[in-house]
């Protein structure tokens, strides 16, 4: 079985972060492992509190995995400060990690800043070792300093981000008003991945889920284009089968078929 490591924060309500990553990996048939970078107190309404894990413990977690287990892909999510980012980058280089997917998480859907402002430049160093980086439009605007309002601007931003060192850049278009098309910059070629907007408020953890899916498919020896196509299909189905669990933004359906079999009242 292929083995995929997620390096990210913990989400106490289970819709995003480590919990979403492990659900996605299990759903796609790979073995998920985790390095926790932060513990959050959050629910469907918002993030109430965050406690960062020390860089020493993060290093110990990473070494524990790589010293014992072959890692077929790595997904990196919430990394909140400069020291943590540097520790992760240095160790992944040391262990010659492969199939590295960076999801540059900055702000939660409720508006809580998960990446400290002073670490915004440091995240670019992490992007430099990525096989693929998956920014949404607000994240790409921070990374590039430009306003992104159409597909031409998405392509321009992708080129700027690729110059940071990432091998491939997936510009997620879900924050655009008119469509949900994504743009992949692969080598020097652009590929538009068509999508349709789904009318639901329950989109908690979509970025975490997509990036984990990409890492899972890369681990299974799919090429970058195929991995992203399969992952986009998976996240689309998950959003179509999202559901409410509280009073705010609910999770996507990571285990759609399992949920349906286990609970006849689902959906």
C-alpha atoms as a PDB file:
ATOM      1  CA  UNK A   1       0.000   0.000   0.000  1.00  0.00           C
ATOM      2  CA  UNK A   2       1.215   3.503  -0.808  1.00  0.00           C
ATOM      3  CA  UNK A   3       1.912   5.716   2.207  1.00  0.00           C
ATOM      4  CA  UNK A   4       1.189   9.454   2.313  1.00  0.00           C
ATOM      5  CA  UNK A   5       2.199  11.918   5.016  1.00  0.00           C
ATOM      6  CA  UNK A   6       0.212  15.020   5.881  1.00  0.00           C
ATOM      7  CA  UNK A   7       1.928  17.870   7.734  1.00  0.00           C
ATOM      8  CA  UNK A   8      -0.828  20.187   8.914  1.00  0.00           C
ATOM      9  CA  UNK A   9      -2.970  21.477  11.763  1.00  0.00           C
ATOM     10  CA  UNK A  10      -5.642  19.549  13.631  1.00  0.00           C
ATOM     11  CA  UNK A  11      -9.297  20.565  13.195  1.00  0.00           C
ATOM     12  CA  UNK A  12     -11.384  19.667  16.229  1.00  0.00           C
ATOM     13  CA  UNK A  13     -14.627  19.478  14.228  1.00  0.00           C
ATOM     14  CA  UNK A  14     -13.058  17.114  11.695  1.00  0.00           C
ATOM     15  CA  UNK A  15     -13.853  18.933   8.464  1.00  0.00           C
ATOM     16  CA  UNK A  16     -10.436  20.298   7.526  1.00  0.00           C
ATOM     17  CA  UNK A  17      -6.758  19.895   8.398  1.00  0.00           C
ATOM     18  CA  UNK A  18      -5.292  16.581   9.508  1.00  0.00           C
ATOM     19  CA  UNK A  19      -8.723  15.009   9.899  1.00  0.00           C
ATOM     20  CA  UNK A  20      -9.847  15.870   6.362  1.00  0.00           C
ATOM     21  CA  UNK A  21      -6.489  14.759   4.990  1.00  0.00           C
ATOM     22  CA  UNK A  22      -6.648  11.324   6.602  1.00  0.00           C
ATOM     23  CA  UNK A  23     -10.264  10.833   5.512  1.00  0.00           C
ATOM     24  CA  UNK A  24      -9.339  11.707   1.939  1.00  0.00           C
ATOM     25  CA  UNK A  25      -6.320   9.413   1.902  1.00  0.00           C
ATOM     26  CA  UNK A  26      -8.370   6.524   3.269  1.00  0.00           C
ATOM     27  CA  UNK A  27     -11.138   7.130   0.741  1.00  0.00           C
ATOM     28  CA  UNK A  28      -8.580   7.010  -2.087  1.00  0.00           C
ATOM     29  CA  UNK A  29      -6.909   3.826  -0.928  1.00  0.00           C
ATOM     30  CA  UNK A  30      -3.598   5.008   0.500  1.00  0.00           C
ATOM     31  CA  UNK A  31      -2.285   4.791   4.052  1.00  0.00           C
ATOM     32  CA  UNK A  32      -2.323   8.185   5.731  1.00  0.00           C
ATOM     33  CA  UNK A  33       0.187   9.367   8.347  1.00  0.00           C
ATOM     34  CA  UNK A  34       0.358  12.703  10.132  1.00  0.00           C
ATOM     35  CA  UNK A  35       2.637  15.352  11.590  1.00  0.00           C
ATOM     36  CA  UNK A  36       0.579  17.849  13.583  1.00  0.00           C
ATOM     37  CA  UNK A  37       1.803  21.450  13.392  1.00  0.00           C
ATOM     38  CA  UNK A  38      -0.948  23.107  15.438  1.00  0.00           C
ATOM     39  CA  UNK A  39      -3.984  22.250  17.524  1.00  0.00           C
ATOM     40  CA  UNK A  40      -7.052  24.312  16.782  1.00  0.00           C
ATOM     41  CA  UNK A  41     -10.314  24.771  18.632  1.00  0.00           C
ATOM     42  CA  UNK A  42     -12.835  25.237  15.852  1.00  0.00           C
ATOM     43  CA  UNK A  43     -16.286  24.290  14.693  1.00  0.00           C
ATOM     44  CA  UNK A  44     -18.521  25.073  11.733  1.00  0.00           C
ATOM     45  CA  UNK A  45     -18.908  28.673  12.915  1.00  0.00           C
ATOM     46  CA  UNK A  46     -15.217  29.553  13.134  1.00  0.00           C
ATOM     47  CA  UNK A  47     -11.827  29.149  14.779  1.00  0.00           C
ATOM     48  CA  UNK A  48     -11.829  29.958  18.486  1.00  0.00           C
ATOM     49  CA  UNK A  49      -8.223  29.238  19.429  1.00  0.00           C
ATOM     50  CA  UNK A  50      -4.910  27.914  18.050  1.00  0.00           C
ATOM     51  CA  UNK A  51      -1.886  26.469  19.825  1.00  0.00           C
ATOM     52  CA  UNK A  52       1.222  25.872  17.732  1.00  0.00           C
ATOM     53  CA  UNK A  53       3.255  22.727  18.223  1.00  0.00           C
ATOM     54  CA  UNK A  54       6.936  23.405  18.950  1.00  0.00           C
ATOM     55  CA  UNK A  55       9.392  23.075  16.083  1.00  0.00           C
ATOM     56  CA  UNK A  56      11.256  20.456  18.165  1.00  0.00           C
ATOM     57  CA  UNK A  57       8.191  18.226  18.368  1.00  0.00           C
ATOM     58  CA  UNK A  58       7.414  18.792  14.687  1.00  0.00           C
ATOM     59  CA  UNK A  59      10.968  17.712  13.852  1.00  0.00           C
ATOM     60  CA  UNK A  60      10.625  14.641  16.073  1.00  0.00           C
ATOM     61  CA  UNK A  61       7.374  13.654  14.344  1.00  0.00           C
ATOM     62  CA  UNK A  62       8.892  14.003  10.880  1.00  0.00           C
ATOM     63  CA  UNK A  63      12.002  12.024  11.829  1.00  0.00           C
ATOM     64  CA  UNK A  64       9.877   9.299  13.429  1.00  0.00           C
ATOM     65  CA  UNK A  65       8.092   8.748  10.136  1.00  0.00           C
ATOM     66  CA  UNK A  66      10.985   9.009   7.682  1.00  0.00           C
ATOM     67  CA  UNK A  67      13.406   6.983   9.817  1.00  0.00           C
ATOM     68  CA  UNK A  68      11.046   4.016   9.757  1.00  0.00           C
ATOM     69  CA  UNK A  69       8.615   4.231   6.837  1.00  0.00           C
ATOM     70  CA  UNK A  70       8.962   4.872   3.126  1.00  0.00           C
ATOM     71  CA  UNK A  71       6.898   7.963   2.330  1.00  0.00           C
ATOM     72  CA  UNK A  72       5.417   8.008  -1.185  1.00  0.00           C
ATOM     73  CA  UNK A  73       4.035  11.570  -1.039  1.00  0.00           C
ATOM     74  CA  UNK A  74       3.800  14.524   1.349  1.00  0.00           C
ATOM     75  CA  UNK A  75       1.018  17.058   1.692  1.00  0.00           C
ATOM     76  CA  UNK A  76       1.756  20.262   3.627  1.00  0.00           C
ATOM     77  CA  UNK A  77      -1.095  22.373   4.947  1.00  0.00           C
ATOM     78  CA  UNK A  78      -1.218  24.759   7.911  1.00  0.00           C
ATOM     79  CA  UNK A  79       2.256  25.967   8.911  1.00  0.00           C
ATOM     80  CA  UNK A  80       1.957  29.130  10.956  1.00  0.00           C
ATOM     81  CA  UNK A  81       5.389  30.576  11.684  1.00  0.00           C
ATOM     82  CA  UNK A  82       8.855  31.033  10.199  1.00  0.00           C
ATOM     83  CA  UNK A  83      10.638  28.514  12.452  1.00  0.00           C
ATOM     84  CA  UNK A  84       8.131  25.763  11.687  1.00  0.00           C
ATOM     85  CA  UNK A  85       8.339  26.437   7.945  1.00  0.00           C
ATOM     86  CA  UNK A  86      12.155  26.326   7.977  1.00  0.00           C
ATOM     87  CA  UNK A  87      12.189  23.116  10.036  1.00  0.00           C
ATOM     88  CA  UNK A  88       9.829  21.357   7.638  1.00  0.00           C
ATOM     89  CA  UNK A  89      11.682  22.508   4.538  1.00  0.00           C
ATOM     90  CA  UNK A  90      15.110  21.508   5.849  1.00  0.00           C
ATOM     91  CA  UNK A  91      13.929  18.056   6.908  1.00  0.00           C
ATOM     92  CA  UNK A  92      12.120  17.293   3.661  1.00  0.00           C
ATOM     93  CA  UNK A  93      15.267  18.211   1.777  1.00  0.00           C
ATOM     94  CA  UNK A  94      17.361  16.064   4.139  1.00  0.00           C
ATOM     95  CA  UNK A  95      15.112  13.052   3.594  1.00  0.00           C
ATOM     96  CA  UNK A  96      14.785  13.709  -0.155  1.00  0.00           C
ATOM     97  CA  UNK A  97      11.000  13.708   0.101  1.00  0.00           C
ATOM     98  CA  UNK A  98       9.120  13.062  -3.123  1.00  0.00           C
ATOM     99  CA  UNK A  99       5.734  14.143  -4.478  1.00  0.00           C
ATOM    100  CA  UNK A 100       5.503  17.179  -2.210  1.00  0.00           C
ATOM    101  CA  UNK A 101       2.171  19.033  -2.412  1.00  0.00           C
ATOM    102  CA  UNK A 102       1.997  22.447  -0.729  1.00  0.00           C
ATOM    103  CA  UNK A 103      -1.396  23.954   0.099  1.00  0.00           C
ATOM    104  CA  UNK A 104      -0.477  27.505   1.232  1.00  0.00           C
ATOM    105  CA  UNK A 105      -3.151  27.814   3.921  1.00  0.00           C
ATOM    106  CA  UNK A 106      -3.409  31.406   5.137  1.00  0.00           C
ATOM    107  CA  UNK A 107      -6.921  32.247   6.314  1.00  0.00           C
ATOM    108  CA  UNK A 108      -9.803  30.042   7.441  1.00  0.00           C
ATOM    109  CA  UNK A 109     -13.210  30.406   5.784  1.00  0.00           C
ATOM    110  CA  UNK A 110     -14.372  32.242   8.911  1.00  0.00           C
ATOM    111  CA  UNK A 111     -11.592  34.814   8.475  1.00  0.00           C
ATOM    112  CA  UNK A 112      -9.123  33.577  11.114  1.00  0.00           C
ATOM    113  CA  UNK A 113      -5.494  34.149  10.084  1.00  0.00           C
ATOM    114  CA  UNK A 114      -3.745  30.762  10.300  1.00  0.00           C
ATOM    115  CA  UNK A 115      -0.450  31.988   8.836  1.00  0.00           C
ATOM    116  CA  UNK A 116       1.254  34.792  10.721  1.00  0.00           C
ATOM    117  CA  UNK A 117       1.860  37.881   8.527  1.00  0.00           C
ATOM    118  CA  UNK A 118       5.611  37.758   9.100  1.00  0.00           C
ATOM    119  CA  UNK A 119       5.647  34.190   7.744  1.00  0.00           C
ATOM    120  CA  UNK A 120       4.142  35.084   4.373  1.00  0.00           C
ATOM    121  CA  UNK A 121       7.593  35.428   2.819  1.00  0.00           C
ATOM    122  CA  UNK A 122       8.809  32.221   4.454  1.00  0.00           C
ATOM    123  CA  UNK A 123       6.004  30.212   2.872  1.00  0.00           C
ATOM    124  CA  UNK A 124       7.586  31.058  -0.488  1.00  0.00           C
ATOM    125  CA  UNK A 125      10.675  29.093   0.583  1.00  0.00           C
ATOM    126  CA  UNK A 126       8.480  26.072   1.240  1.00  0.00           C
ATOM    127  CA  UNK A 127       6.891  26.466  -2.185  1.00  0.00           C
ATOM    128  CA  UNK A 128      10.379  26.234  -3.685  1.00  0.00           C
ATOM    129  CA  UNK A 129      10.544  22.492  -2.907  1.00  0.00           C
ATOM    130  CA  UNK A 130       6.984  21.687  -4.047  1.00  0.00           C
ATOM    131  CA  UNK A 131       6.160  19.334  -6.867  1.00  0.00           C
ATOM    132  CA  UNK A 132       2.831  21.124  -6.964  1.00  0.00           C
ATOM    133  CA  UNK A 133       1.438  24.117  -5.069  1.00  0.00           C
ATOM    134  CA  UNK A 134      -2.332  24.691  -4.843  1.00  0.00           C
ATOM    135  CA  UNK A 135      -3.209  28.319  -3.998  1.00  0.00           C
ATOM    136  CA  UNK A 136      -6.731  29.661  -4.197  1.00  0.00           C
ATOM    137  CA  UNK A 137      -7.177  33.174  -5.574  1.00  0.00           C
ATOM    138  CA  UNK A 138      -6.888  35.071  -2.234  1.00  0.00           C
ATOM    139  CA  UNK A 139      -3.731  33.099  -1.383  1.00  0.00           C
ATOM    140  CA  UNK A 140      -2.263  33.705  -4.831  1.00  0.00           C
ATOM    141  CA  UNK A 141      -2.934  37.428  -4.443  1.00  0.00           C
ATOM    142  CA  UNK A 142      -0.868  37.450  -1.250  1.00  0.00           C
ATOM    143  CA  UNK A 143       1.928  35.408  -2.821  1.00  0.00           C
ATOM    144  CA  UNK A 144       2.128  37.599  -5.938  1.00  0.00           C
ATOM    145  CA  UNK A 145       0.970  41.016  -4.720  1.00  0.00           C
ATOM    146  CA  UNK A 146      -1.408  41.296  -7.673  1.00  0.00           C
ATOM    147  CA  UNK A 147      -5.181  41.448  -8.069  1.00  0.00           C
ATOM    148  CA  UNK A 148      -6.676  38.386  -9.758  1.00  0.00           C
ATOM    149  CA  UNK A 149     -10.044  38.865 -11.398  1.00  0.00           C
ATOM    150  CA  UNK A 150      -9.989  36.709 -14.537  1.00  0.00           C
ATOM    151  CA  UNK A 151      -8.299  33.710 -16.148  1.00  0.00           C
ATOM    152  CA  UNK A 152      -5.529  35.811 -17.710  1.00  0.00           C
ATOM    153  CA  UNK A 153      -4.577  37.131 -14.275  1.00  0.00           C
ATOM    154  CA  UNK A 154      -4.696  33.570 -12.899  1.00  0.00           C
ATOM    155  CA  UNK A 155      -2.169  32.521 -15.535  1.00  0.00           C
ATOM    156  CA  UNK A 156       0.068  35.494 -14.806  1.00  0.00           C
ATOM    157  CA  UNK A 157      -0.038  34.702 -11.081  1.00  0.00           C
ATOM    158  CA  UNK A 158       0.764  31.050 -11.776  1.00  0.00           C
ATOM    159  CA  UNK A 159       3.886  32.088 -13.688  1.00  0.00           C
ATOM    160  CA  UNK A 160       5.020  34.294 -10.799  1.00  0.00           C
ATOM    161  CA  UNK A 161       4.467  31.502  -8.274  1.00  0.00           C
ATOM    162  CA  UNK A 162       6.258  28.985 -10.465  1.00  0.00           C
ATOM    163  CA  UNK A 163       9.321  31.244 -10.425  1.00  0.00           C
ATOM    164  CA  UNK A 164       9.482  30.628  -6.663  1.00  0.00           C
ATOM    165  CA  UNK A 165      10.614  27.096  -7.533  1.00  0.00           C
ATOM    166  CA  UNK A 166       7.471  24.973  -7.651  1.00  0.00           C
ATOM    167  CA  UNK A 167       7.473  22.432 -10.474  1.00  0.00           C
ATOM    168  CA  UNK A 168       3.733  22.800 -11.084  1.00  0.00           C
ATOM    169  CA  UNK A 169       1.128  25.356 -10.002  1.00  0.00           C
ATOM    170  CA  UNK A 170      -2.594  24.667  -9.661  1.00  0.00           C
ATOM    171  CA  UNK A 171      -4.536  27.923  -9.485  1.00  0.00           C
ATOM    172  CA  UNK A 172      -7.890  27.120  -7.903  1.00  0.00           C
ATOM    173  CA  UNK A 173     -10.723  29.163  -9.338  1.00  0.00           C
ATOM    174  CA  UNK A 174     -13.437  28.462  -6.781  1.00  0.00           C
ATOM    175  CA  UNK A 175     -13.307  32.038  -5.422  1.00  0.00           C
ATOM    176  CA  UNK A 176     -14.211  33.517  -8.818  1.00  0.00           C
ATOM    177  CA  UNK A 177     -17.794  34.623  -9.200  1.00  0.00           C
ATOM    178  CA  UNK A 178     -18.515  33.213 -12.653  1.00  0.00           C
ATOM    179  CA  UNK A 179     -17.132  29.682 -12.614  1.00  0.00           C
ATOM    180  CA  UNK A 180     -15.097  27.095 -10.718  1.00  0.00           C
ATOM    181  CA  UNK A 181     -12.479  26.489 -13.394  1.00  0.00           C
ATOM    182  CA  UNK A 182      -8.937  25.758 -12.235  1.00  0.00           C
ATOM    183  CA  UNK A 183      -5.773  26.471 -14.196  1.00  0.00           C
ATOM    184  CA  UNK A 184      -2.763  24.160 -14.078  1.00  0.00           C
ATOM    185  CA  UNK A 185       0.664  25.419 -15.092  1.00  0.00           C
ATOM    186  CA  UNK A 186       2.554  22.234 -15.870  1.00  0.00           C
ATOM    187  CA  UNK A 187       6.125  22.766 -17.068  1.00  0.00           C
ATOM    188  CA  UNK A 188       5.471  25.648 -19.496  1.00  0.00           C
ATOM    189  CA  UNK A 189       1.949  24.672 -20.571  1.00  0.00           C
ATOM    190  CA  UNK A 190      -1.395  25.867 -19.239  1.00  0.00           C
ATOM    191  CA  UNK A 191      -4.307  23.477 -18.852  1.00  0.00           C
ATOM    192  CA  UNK A 192      -7.800  24.664 -17.935  1.00  0.00           C
ATOM    193  CA  UNK A 193      -9.734  22.224 -15.779  1.00  0.00           C
ATOM    194  CA  UNK A 194     -13.418  22.898 -16.196  1.00  0.00           C
ATOM    195  CA  UNK A 195     -15.620  22.977 -13.138  1.00  0.00           C
ATOM    196  CA  UNK A 196     -19.141  23.978 -12.220  1.00  0.00           C
ATOM    197  CA  UNK A 197     -20.210  25.964  -9.203  1.00  0.00           C
ATOM    198  CA  UNK A 198     -22.181  23.931  -6.659  1.00  0.00           C
ATOM    199  CA  UNK A 199     -24.816  25.741  -4.646  1.00  0.00           C
ATOM    200  CA  UNK A 200     -23.906  24.840  -1.060  1.00  0.00           C
ATOM    201  CA  UNK A 201     -22.494  26.636   1.964  1.00  0.00           C
ATOM    202  CA  UNK A 202     -20.888  23.408   3.195  1.00  0.00           C
ATOM    203  CA  UNK A 203     -17.370  23.742   1.821  1.00  0.00           C
ATOM    204  CA  UNK A 204     -15.281  23.394   4.989  1.00  0.00           C
ATOM    205  CA  UNK A 205     -11.991  21.690   4.174  1.00  0.00           C
ATOM    206  CA  UNK A 206     -12.169  21.783   0.383  1.00  0.00           C
ATOM    207  CA  UNK A 207      -8.573  22.964  -0.043  1.00  0.00           C
ATOM    208  CA  UNK A 208      -7.221  20.403   2.415  1.00  0.00           C
ATOM    209  CA  UNK A 209      -9.199  17.656   0.717  1.00  0.00           C
ATOM    210  CA  UNK A 210      -8.080  18.558  -2.810  1.00  0.00           C
ATOM    211  CA  UNK A 211      -4.380  18.795  -1.935  1.00  0.00           C
ATOM    212  CA  UNK A 212      -4.514  15.505  -0.023  1.00  0.00           C
ATOM    213  CA  UNK A 213      -6.209  13.860  -2.975  1.00  0.00           C
ATOM    214  CA  UNK A 214      -3.471  15.103  -5.309  1.00  0.00           C
ATOM    215  CA  UNK A 215      -0.778  13.726  -2.986  1.00  0.00           C
ATOM    216  CA  UNK A 216      -2.615  10.398  -2.815  1.00  0.00           C
ATOM    217  CA  UNK A 217      -2.845  10.051  -6.583  1.00  0.00           C
ATOM    218  CA  UNK A 218       0.796  11.082  -7.061  1.00  0.00           C
ATOM    219  CA  UNK A 219       1.758   8.407  -4.532  1.00  0.00           C
ATOM    220  CA  UNK A 220      -0.054   5.871  -6.723  1.00  0.00           C
ATOM    221  CA  UNK A 221       2.266   6.787  -9.621  1.00  0.00           C
ATOM    222  CA  UNK A 222      -0.162   8.925 -11.603  1.00  0.00           C
ATOM    223  CA  UNK A 223       1.416  11.854 -13.431  1.00  0.00           C
ATOM    224  CA  UNK A 224       0.625  15.392 -12.337  1.00  0.00           C
ATOM    225  CA  UNK A 225      -2.129  16.041 -14.877  1.00  0.00           C
ATOM    226  CA  UNK A 226      -3.926  12.782 -14.183  1.00  0.00           C
ATOM    227  CA  UNK A 227      -3.541  13.210 -10.415  1.00  0.00           C
ATOM    228  CA  UNK A 228      -5.166  16.630 -10.543  1.00  0.00           C
ATOM    229  CA  UNK A 229      -7.965  15.506 -12.869  1.00  0.00           C
ATOM    230  CA  UNK A 230      -8.815  12.596 -10.569  1.00  0.00           C
ATOM    231  CA  UNK A 231      -8.588  14.837  -7.513  1.00  0.00           C
ATOM    232  CA  UNK A 232     -10.862  17.465  -9.037  1.00  0.00           C
ATOM    233  CA  UNK A 233     -13.428  14.746  -9.762  1.00  0.00           C
ATOM    234  CA  UNK A 234     -13.192  13.568  -6.158  1.00  0.00           C
ATOM    235  CA  UNK A 235     -13.575  17.014  -4.569  1.00  0.00           C
ATOM    236  CA  UNK A 236     -16.471  17.852  -6.894  1.00  0.00           C
ATOM    237  CA  UNK A 237     -18.351  14.740  -5.799  1.00  0.00           C
ATOM    238  CA  UNK A 238     -17.475  15.464  -2.167  1.00  0.00           C
ATOM    239  CA  UNK A 239     -18.856  19.008  -2.424  1.00  0.00           C
ATOM    240  CA  UNK A 240     -21.983  17.745  -4.179  1.00  0.00           C
ATOM    241  CA  UNK A 241     -22.486  15.449  -1.191  1.00  0.00           C
ATOM    242  CA  UNK A 242     -21.554  17.933   1.538  1.00  0.00           C
ATOM    243  CA  UNK A 243     -23.792  18.207   4.568  1.00  0.00           C
ATOM    244  CA  UNK A 244     -24.549  20.237   7.686  1.00  0.00           C
ATOM    245  CA  UNK A 245     -23.387  19.159  11.141  1.00  0.00           C
ATOM    246  CA  UNK A 246     -23.670  22.440  13.051  1.00  0.00           C
ATOM    247  CA  UNK A 247     -24.808  26.028  12.659  1.00  0.00           C
ATOM    248  CA  UNK A 248     -22.259  27.185  10.080  1.00  0.00           C
ATOM    249  CA  UNK A 249     -20.129  25.862   7.225  1.00  0.00           C
ATOM    250  CA  UNK A 250     -20.365  22.077   7.131  1.00  0.00           C
ATOM    251  CA  UNK A 251     -17.885  19.514   5.758  1.00  0.00           C
ATOM    252  CA  UNK A 252     -17.693  17.880   2.370  1.00  0.00           C
ATOM    253  CA  UNK A 253     -18.603  14.206   1.934  1.00  0.00           C
ATOM    254  CA  UNK A 254     -15.260  12.425   2.082  1.00  0.00           C
ATOM    255  CA  UNK A 255     -16.858   8.968   2.394  1.00  0.00           C
ATOM    256  CA  UNK A 256     -20.032   9.449   0.377  1.00  0.00           C
ATOM    257  CA  UNK A 257     -20.816   5.804  -0.265  1.00  0.00           C
ATOM    258  CA  UNK A 258     -19.912   4.747   3.285  1.00  0.00           C
ATOM    259  CA  UNK A 259     -22.130   7.452   4.763  1.00  0.00           C
ATOM    260  CA  UNK A 260     -25.028   6.375   2.553  1.00  0.00           C
ATOM    261  CA  UNK A 261     -24.707   2.704   3.538  1.00  0.00           C
ATOM    262  CA  UNK A 262     -24.323   3.453   7.242  1.00  0.00           C
ATOM    263  CA  UNK A 263     -27.103   6.007   7.606  1.00  0.00           C
ATOM    264  CA  UNK A 264     -30.308   5.812   5.609  1.00  0.00           C
ATOM    265  CA  UNK A 265     -31.119   9.378   6.684  1.00  0.00           C
ATOM    266  CA  UNK A 266     -27.948  10.780   5.058  1.00  0.00           C
ATOM    267  CA  UNK A 267     -28.874  13.541   2.605  1.00  0.00           C
END
